[in-house]
């Protein structure tokens, strides 16, 4: 009988961004966009001042750091939170037993 009436109550689509990390270009979204915009800006300034060859070198630097971010995200999705906790020296006391 319940199948005939369907489900009762309010239904809403589940948004994956609620509990999953938002990724862009394989790395956390804010890091990827910030890094991309910074490299584009430096690349354009380098292109205007030094030429196309040096601007291409900025592209190689962007790609290598982006691959590093992707590797860190693949290794541990919350690598930035763990790194921040380690720098703030609250990582080990938080997980220490006893």
C-alpha atoms as a PDB file:
ATOM      1  CA  UNK A   1       0.000   0.000   0.000  1.00  0.00           C
ATOM      2  CA  UNK A   2       2.863   2.378   0.793  1.00  0.00           C
ATOM      3  CA  UNK A   3       4.284   1.814  -2.681  1.00  0.00           C
ATOM      4  CA  UNK A   4       1.105   3.068  -4.240  1.00  0.00           C
ATOM      5  CA  UNK A   5       1.174   6.330  -2.320  1.00  0.00           C
ATOM      6  CA  UNK A   6       4.917   6.887  -2.713  1.00  0.00           C
ATOM      7  CA  UNK A   7       7.073   8.354  -0.005  1.00  0.00           C
ATOM      8  CA  UNK A   8       5.661  10.755   2.508  1.00  0.00           C
ATOM      9  CA  UNK A   9       7.407  13.841   3.771  1.00  0.00           C
ATOM     10  CA  UNK A  10       9.958  16.252   2.426  1.00  0.00           C
ATOM     11  CA  UNK A  11      12.664  15.051   0.053  1.00  0.00           C
ATOM     12  CA  UNK A  12      15.676  17.037  -1.029  1.00  0.00           C
ATOM     13  CA  UNK A  13      18.712  16.112  -3.095  1.00  0.00           C
ATOM     14  CA  UNK A  14      21.808  15.292  -1.095  1.00  0.00           C
ATOM     15  CA  UNK A  15      24.648  17.698  -1.759  1.00  0.00           C
ATOM     16  CA  UNK A  16      27.984  15.929  -1.791  1.00  0.00           C
ATOM     17  CA  UNK A  17      29.801  19.126  -0.825  1.00  0.00           C
ATOM     18  CA  UNK A  18      28.307  18.799   2.636  1.00  0.00           C
ATOM     19  CA  UNK A  19      30.636  15.988   3.659  1.00  0.00           C
ATOM     20  CA  UNK A  20      33.078  15.560   0.774  1.00  0.00           C
ATOM     21  CA  UNK A  21      35.991  17.808  -0.112  1.00  0.00           C
ATOM     22  CA  UNK A  22      35.359  20.193  -3.016  1.00  0.00           C
ATOM     23  CA  UNK A  23      38.084  19.538  -5.573  1.00  0.00           C
ATOM     24  CA  UNK A  24      39.079  21.465  -8.643  1.00  0.00           C
ATOM     25  CA  UNK A  25      41.778  20.246 -11.012  1.00  0.00           C
ATOM     26  CA  UNK A  26      42.339  17.320  -8.632  1.00  0.00           C
ATOM     27  CA  UNK A  27      43.260  19.377  -5.564  1.00  0.00           C
ATOM     28  CA  UNK A  28      41.298  21.367  -2.968  1.00  0.00           C
ATOM     29  CA  UNK A  29      39.391  24.099  -4.743  1.00  0.00           C
ATOM     30  CA  UNK A  30      40.780  27.192  -2.995  1.00  0.00           C
ATOM     31  CA  UNK A  31      44.397  26.038  -3.283  1.00  0.00           C
ATOM     32  CA  UNK A  32      43.985  25.213  -6.975  1.00  0.00           C
ATOM     33  CA  UNK A  33      42.331  28.501  -7.893  1.00  0.00           C
ATOM     34  CA  UNK A  34      44.699  30.620  -5.824  1.00  0.00           C
ATOM     35  CA  UNK A  35      47.723  28.869  -7.292  1.00  0.00           C
ATOM     36  CA  UNK A  36      46.356  29.114 -10.849  1.00  0.00           C
ATOM     37  CA  UNK A  37      45.552  32.834 -10.576  1.00  0.00           C
ATOM     38  CA  UNK A  38      48.938  33.620  -9.018  1.00  0.00           C
ATOM     39  CA  UNK A  39      50.772  31.730 -11.770  1.00  0.00           C
ATOM     40  CA  UNK A  40      48.738  33.374 -14.525  1.00  0.00           C
ATOM     41  CA  UNK A  41      49.531  36.801 -13.104  1.00  0.00           C
ATOM     42  CA  UNK A  42      53.245  36.059 -12.697  1.00  0.00           C
ATOM     43  CA  UNK A  43      53.292  34.447 -16.148  1.00  0.00           C
ATOM     44  CA  UNK A  44      51.776  37.519 -17.793  1.00  0.00           C
ATOM     45  CA  UNK A  45      54.189  39.857 -16.022  1.00  0.00           C
ATOM     46  CA  UNK A  46      57.095  37.586 -16.970  1.00  0.00           C
ATOM     47  CA  UNK A  47      55.889  37.445 -20.559  1.00  0.00           C
ATOM     48  CA  UNK A  48      55.772  41.230 -20.782  1.00  0.00           C
ATOM     49  CA  UNK A  49      59.186  41.758 -19.144  1.00  0.00           C
ATOM     50  CA  UNK A  50      61.298  38.749 -20.177  1.00  0.00           C
ATOM     51  CA  UNK A  51      59.553  36.996 -23.056  1.00  0.00           C
ATOM     52  CA  UNK A  52      57.664  33.857 -23.874  1.00  0.00           C
ATOM     53  CA  UNK A  53      60.362  31.354 -22.830  1.00  0.00           C
ATOM     54  CA  UNK A  54      60.358  32.501 -19.225  1.00  0.00           C
ATOM     55  CA  UNK A  55      56.558  32.575 -19.199  1.00  0.00           C
ATOM     56  CA  UNK A  56      56.576  28.939 -20.321  1.00  0.00           C
ATOM     57  CA  UNK A  57      58.865  28.172 -17.369  1.00  0.00           C
ATOM     58  CA  UNK A  58      56.161  29.576 -15.065  1.00  0.00           C
ATOM     59  CA  UNK A  59      53.751  27.091 -16.671  1.00  0.00           C
ATOM     60  CA  UNK A  60      56.126  24.237 -15.845  1.00  0.00           C
ATOM     61  CA  UNK A  61      56.351  25.450 -12.238  1.00  0.00           C
ATOM     62  CA  UNK A  62      52.543  25.648 -12.054  1.00  0.00           C
ATOM     63  CA  UNK A  63      52.187  22.113 -13.394  1.00  0.00           C
ATOM     64  CA  UNK A  64      54.749  20.646 -10.991  1.00  0.00           C
ATOM     65  CA  UNK A  65      53.185  22.246  -7.903  1.00  0.00           C
ATOM     66  CA  UNK A  66      49.684  21.317  -9.092  1.00  0.00           C
ATOM     67  CA  UNK A  67      50.807  17.706  -9.456  1.00  0.00           C
ATOM     68  CA  UNK A  68      52.209  17.893  -5.926  1.00  0.00           C
ATOM     69  CA  UNK A  69      48.837  19.146  -4.641  1.00  0.00           C
ATOM     70  CA  UNK A  70      47.053  16.363  -6.513  1.00  0.00           C
ATOM     71  CA  UNK A  71      49.414  13.770  -5.040  1.00  0.00           C
ATOM     72  CA  UNK A  72      48.911  15.083  -1.519  1.00  0.00           C
ATOM     73  CA  UNK A  73      45.130  15.058  -1.987  1.00  0.00           C
ATOM     74  CA  UNK A  74      45.234  11.512  -3.325  1.00  0.00           C
ATOM     75  CA  UNK A  75      47.381  10.429  -0.371  1.00  0.00           C
ATOM     76  CA  UNK A  76      45.211  12.131   2.281  1.00  0.00           C
ATOM     77  CA  UNK A  77      42.158  14.245   1.514  1.00  0.00           C
ATOM     78  CA  UNK A  78      42.613  16.301   4.690  1.00  0.00           C
ATOM     79  CA  UNK A  79      46.361  16.843   4.351  1.00  0.00           C
ATOM     80  CA  UNK A  80      46.072  20.594   4.834  1.00  0.00           C
ATOM     81  CA  UNK A  81      44.190  20.256   8.121  1.00  0.00           C
ATOM     82  CA  UNK A  82      46.783  17.812   9.447  1.00  0.00           C
ATOM     83  CA  UNK A  83      49.626  20.085   8.330  1.00  0.00           C
ATOM     84  CA  UNK A  84      48.041  23.111   9.985  1.00  0.00           C
ATOM     85  CA  UNK A  85      47.484  21.174  13.217  1.00  0.00           C
ATOM     86  CA  UNK A  86      51.093  20.013  13.123  1.00  0.00           C
ATOM     87  CA  UNK A  87      52.386  23.568  12.657  1.00  0.00           C
ATOM     88  CA  UNK A  88      50.203  24.786  15.494  1.00  0.00           C
ATOM     89  CA  UNK A  89      51.601  21.921  17.640  1.00  0.00           C
ATOM     90  CA  UNK A  90      48.160  20.585  18.495  1.00  0.00           C
ATOM     91  CA  UNK A  91      48.264  17.431  16.400  1.00  0.00           C
ATOM     92  CA  UNK A  92      50.106  15.025  18.720  1.00  0.00           C
ATOM     93  CA  UNK A  93      48.458  16.039  22.026  1.00  0.00           C
ATOM     94  CA  UNK A  94      45.052  15.714  20.386  1.00  0.00           C
ATOM     95  CA  UNK A  95      45.656  12.119  19.302  1.00  0.00           C
ATOM     96  CA  UNK A  96      47.769  11.004  22.250  1.00  0.00           C
ATOM     97  CA  UNK A  97      46.073   8.245  24.202  1.00  0.00           C
ATOM     98  CA  UNK A  98      45.676   8.395  27.959  1.00  0.00           C
END
